[in-house]
Amino acid sequence: MSYLAFSRSWAGYLSRKTGLPAEQETVLAYVIEVLALNLLNIVFTLMLGVILGVLPGTAACLVTAILFRHSAGGAHSNSPWRCAAITITVFPLLALLGSYFSRLGQEVADMMSAGALGVGMITMIILAPMDSPNAPIISHLRRRKLKVISIAFVMLLTVLALFLREIRWQNAGMIQSCIALTLMWISFMLTNWGHKLMSFVDKIPIKRRKEVVE
């Protein structure tokens, strides 16, 4: 279901040019809206990171989340609008929290990384990949492949955490803490509690403007 006028307008224009039937025009409108929202999602998330003064941490959170989104999966809202709102809110706040923890010292960052990587590895082994009823993973081979990729990403983050604690970059501690917090969030989204949270979010009503049919 498309909510934005511009997506329906673009889809109508492309359908007239290509001769698509009405059913495919509706799907095209939805695809255009999702792509536009994903782009705006990233832009506004980074903008909020700039406003809060934690742009590097916010970018690190986004990259970490993207790594696991298409391999481990996890709970997500049925509405692109709600997904965008969660992303724009959660990741800059995680970056802000990571910035705070990084100022407590390298020991705190190391403890967070060790805990997050341990929890992340266990979660990926047991729960990943987590599919959805709308897009079930039927192939056992593909499921196994996605699990291996998810575990490999945790190992990659382990190497990155070791690298960050050794370099003398001023934002290294914040990036390390942000990656740890994001991995904890991703692990949470793979659990039943994460799915219950998204189910609660989906129950929040969105008011839609009534269209006048002439």
Protein backbone atom coordinates (compact mmCIF):
# COMPACT_ATOMS: atom_id res chain seq x y z
CA MET A 1 0.00 0.00 0.00
CA SER A 2 1.42 3.35 -1.05
CA TYR A 3 0.83 6.40 1.11
CA LEU A 4 2.65 9.15 -0.77
CA ALA A 5 1.18 11.08 -3.69
CA PHE A 6 4.50 11.40 -5.52
CA SER A 7 5.03 7.61 -5.59
CA ARG A 8 1.59 7.07 -7.14
CA SER A 9 2.27 9.89 -9.61
CA TRP A 10 5.64 8.49 -10.69
CA ALA A 11 4.26 4.98 -10.91
CA GLY A 12 1.36 6.24 -13.06
CA TYR A 13 3.76 8.04 -15.39
CA LEU A 14 6.04 5.00 -15.75
CA SER A 15 3.07 2.70 -16.23
CA ARG A 16 1.70 4.84 -19.05
CA LYS A 17 5.10 4.86 -20.74
CA THR A 18 5.62 1.11 -20.42
CA GLY A 19 2.02 -0.11 -20.60
CA LEU A 20 1.95 -1.78 -17.20
CA PRO A 21 -1.40 -3.08 -15.92
CA ALA A 22 -3.06 -1.47 -12.89
CA GLU A 23 -1.98 -4.26 -10.52
CA GLN A 24 1.70 -3.80 -11.37
CA GLU A 25 1.33 -0.03 -11.14
CA THR A 26 0.31 -0.43 -7.50
CA VAL A 27 3.35 -2.58 -6.82
CA LEU A 28 5.59 -0.09 -8.62
CA ALA A 29 4.20 2.76 -6.52
CA TYR A 30 5.05 0.82 -3.37
CA VAL A 31 8.58 0.05 -4.58
CA ILE A 32 9.21 3.72 -5.44
CA GLU A 33 7.96 4.76 -2.02
CA VAL A 34 10.13 2.23 -0.19
CA LEU A 35 13.25 3.29 -2.11
CA ALA A 36 12.55 6.97 -1.48
CA LEU A 37 11.90 6.36 2.21
CA ASN A 38 15.11 4.32 2.57
CA LEU A 39 17.12 7.16 1.03
CA LEU A 40 15.44 9.77 3.23
CA ASN A 41 15.83 7.40 6.14
CA ILE A 42 19.63 7.39 5.79
CA VAL A 43 19.82 11.14 5.13
CA PHE A 44 17.72 12.14 8.15
CA THR A 45 19.47 9.63 10.41
CA LEU A 46 22.86 11.11 9.52
CA MET A 47 21.47 14.64 9.86
CA LEU A 48 20.29 13.88 13.38
CA GLY A 49 23.73 12.45 14.08
CA VAL A 50 25.23 15.76 12.95
CA ILE A 51 22.84 17.72 15.17
CA LEU A 52 23.74 15.56 18.17
CA GLY A 53 27.44 15.80 17.37
CA VAL A 54 27.87 12.04 16.84
CA LEU A 55 27.99 11.70 13.04
CA PRO A 56 30.85 9.12 12.95
CA GLY A 57 29.08 6.99 15.54
CA THR A 58 25.75 7.24 13.76
CA ALA A 59 27.37 6.20 10.47
CA ALA A 60 29.02 3.26 12.24
CA CYS A 61 25.65 2.18 13.66
CA LEU A 62 24.01 2.36 10.23
CA VAL A 63 26.77 0.39 8.50
CA THR A 64 26.72 -2.29 11.19
CA ALA A 65 22.94 -2.61 10.96
CA ILE A 66 23.02 -2.82 7.16
CA LEU A 67 25.59 -5.65 7.33
CA PHE A 68 23.22 -7.84 9.30
CA ARG A 69 19.89 -6.70 7.90
CA HIS A 70 20.07 -8.84 4.76
CA SER A 71 21.80 -11.81 6.37
CA ALA A 72 20.55 -12.22 9.94
CA GLY A 73 17.20 -10.55 9.35
CA GLY A 74 15.16 -9.84 12.46
CA ALA A 75 12.01 -8.12 13.59
CA HIS A 76 10.82 -5.18 11.55
CA SER A 77 7.68 -3.12 11.19
CA ASN A 78 5.17 -3.83 8.47
CA SER A 79 5.18 -0.12 7.58
CA PRO A 80 8.16 1.58 5.89
CA TRP A 81 7.14 4.77 7.74
CA ARG A 82 7.50 3.10 11.11
CA CYS A 83 10.80 1.47 10.09
CA ALA A 84 12.12 4.88 9.06
CA ALA A 85 11.00 6.46 12.33
CA ILE A 86 12.70 3.72 14.35
CA THR A 87 15.96 3.99 12.40
CA ILE A 88 16.07 7.79 12.57
CA THR A 89 15.47 7.64 16.33
CA VAL A 90 17.39 4.59 17.49
CA PHE A 91 20.77 4.81 15.75
CA PRO A 92 21.64 8.43 16.61
CA LEU A 93 20.64 7.66 20.21
CA LEU A 94 22.86 4.57 20.19
CA ALA A 95 25.67 6.74 18.84
CA LEU A 96 25.07 9.29 21.61
CA LEU A 97 25.16 6.50 24.18
CA GLY A 98 28.30 5.08 22.60
CA SER A 99 29.94 8.50 22.78
CA TYR A 100 29.15 8.65 26.49
CA PHE A 101 30.56 5.19 27.21
CA SER A 102 33.71 5.90 25.19
CA ARG A 103 34.51 8.78 27.52
CA LEU A 104 34.54 6.37 30.47
CA GLY A 105 37.77 4.79 29.26
CA GLN A 106 39.10 2.05 27.01
CA GLU A 107 38.34 -0.61 29.61
CA VAL A 108 34.62 0.16 29.39
CA ALA A 109 34.70 0.05 25.59
CA ASP A 110 36.55 -3.28 25.70
CA MET A 111 34.05 -4.78 28.15
CA MET A 112 31.13 -3.62 25.99
CA SER A 113 32.75 -5.04 22.86
CA ALA A 114 33.50 -8.38 24.50
CA GLY A 115 29.95 -8.69 25.83
CA ALA A 116 28.30 -7.59 22.59
CA LEU A 117 30.46 -9.85 20.42
CA GLY A 118 29.79 -12.82 22.71
CA VAL A 119 26.04 -12.22 22.73
CA GLY A 120 26.07 -11.52 19.01
CA MET A 121 27.88 -14.74 18.16
CA ILE A 122 25.54 -16.86 20.29
CA THR A 123 22.49 -15.12 18.84
CA MET A 124 23.65 -15.60 15.25
CA ILE A 125 24.38 -19.29 15.85
CA ILE A 126 21.02 -19.97 17.50
CA LEU A 127 18.54 -17.56 15.89
CA ALA A 128 19.92 -16.26 12.59
CA PRO A 129 18.60 -15.99 9.99
CA MET A 130 15.20 -14.78 11.16
CA ASP A 131 12.73 -14.58 8.29
CA SER A 132 9.23 -13.13 8.19
CA PRO A 133 5.85 -14.61 7.23
CA ASN A 134 5.79 -12.33 4.17
CA ALA A 135 9.21 -13.51 2.99
CA PRO A 136 9.94 -16.98 4.38
CA ILE A 137 13.28 -18.67 3.75
CA ILE A 138 12.29 -21.96 2.15
CA SER A 139 15.68 -23.21 1.01
CA HIS A 140 17.73 -24.92 3.72
CA LEU A 141 20.88 -24.18 1.72
CA ARG A 142 20.10 -20.46 1.65
CA ARG A 143 19.28 -20.48 5.36
CA ARG A 144 22.62 -22.12 6.12
CA LYS A 145 24.43 -19.64 3.86
CA LEU A 146 22.83 -16.65 5.60
CA LYS A 147 23.76 -18.06 9.02
CA VAL A 148 27.38 -18.48 7.94
CA ILE A 149 27.43 -14.91 6.58
CA SER A 150 25.97 -13.58 9.85
CA ILE A 151 28.59 -15.40 11.91
CA ALA A 152 31.31 -14.16 9.55
CA PHE A 153 30.14 -10.57 10.10
CA VAL A 154 30.46 -11.01 13.88
CA MET A 155 34.01 -12.27 13.37
CA LEU A 156 34.70 -9.27 11.11
CA LEU A 157 33.46 -6.93 13.84
CA THR A 158 35.74 -8.72 16.32
CA VAL A 159 38.76 -7.95 14.15
CA LEU A 160 37.55 -4.37 13.70
CA ALA A 161 37.14 -3.93 17.47
CA LEU A 162 40.71 -5.13 18.04
CA PHE A 163 41.92 -2.73 15.36
CA LEU A 164 40.03 0.24 16.77
CA ARG A 165 41.40 -0.21 20.28
CA GLU A 166 44.96 -0.06 18.96
CA ILE A 167 44.82 3.00 16.72
CA ARG A 168 45.15 6.59 17.92
CA TRP A 169 42.14 8.05 16.11
CA GLN A 170 40.10 10.33 18.36
CA ASN A 171 36.81 8.70 17.38
CA ALA A 172 38.05 5.11 17.63
CA GLY A 173 36.63 4.52 21.11
CA MET A 174 33.25 5.94 20.13
CA ILE A 175 33.09 3.83 16.97
CA GLN A 176 34.01 0.74 18.96
CA SER A 177 31.27 1.41 21.52
CA CYS A 178 28.71 2.23 18.82
CA ILE A 179 29.38 -1.02 16.99
CA ALA A 180 28.96 -2.94 20.25
CA LEU A 181 25.66 -1.24 21.06
CA THR A 182 24.33 -1.77 17.53
CA LEU A 183 25.23 -5.46 17.65
CA MET A 184 23.30 -5.72 20.91
CA TRP A 185 20.32 -4.03 19.27
CA ILE A 186 20.50 -6.38 16.28
CA SER A 187 20.67 -9.38 18.60
CA PHE A 188 17.65 -8.06 20.49
CA MET A 189 15.72 -7.74 17.22
CA LEU A 190 16.27 -11.45 16.58
CA THR A 191 14.57 -12.44 19.84
CA ASN A 192 10.90 -12.77 20.72
CA TRP A 193 11.16 -9.54 22.71
CA GLY A 194 12.26 -7.71 19.60
CA HIS A 195 9.31 -9.09 17.66
CA LYS A 196 6.94 -8.08 20.44
CA LEU A 197 8.36 -4.56 20.33
CA MET A 198 7.78 -4.31 16.58
CA SER A 199 4.30 -5.77 16.99
CA PHE A 200 3.56 -3.02 19.49
CA VAL A 201 4.90 -0.41 17.07
CA ASP A 202 2.68 -1.79 14.30
CA LYS A 203 -0.37 -1.32 16.49
CA ILE A 204 0.25 2.44 16.70
CA PRO A 205 -2.33 3.94 14.32
CA ILE A 206 -1.24 6.16 11.44
CA LYS A 207 -3.79 8.72 10.39
CA ARG A 208 -4.20 8.92 6.64
CA ARG A 209 -5.70 11.79 4.77
CA LYS A 210 -9.00 10.84 3.15
CA GLU A 211 -8.97 11.21 -0.58
CA VAL A 212 -11.96 12.90 -2.18
CA VAL A 213 -13.31 10.88 -5.07
CA GLU A 214 -14.97 13.05 -7.69
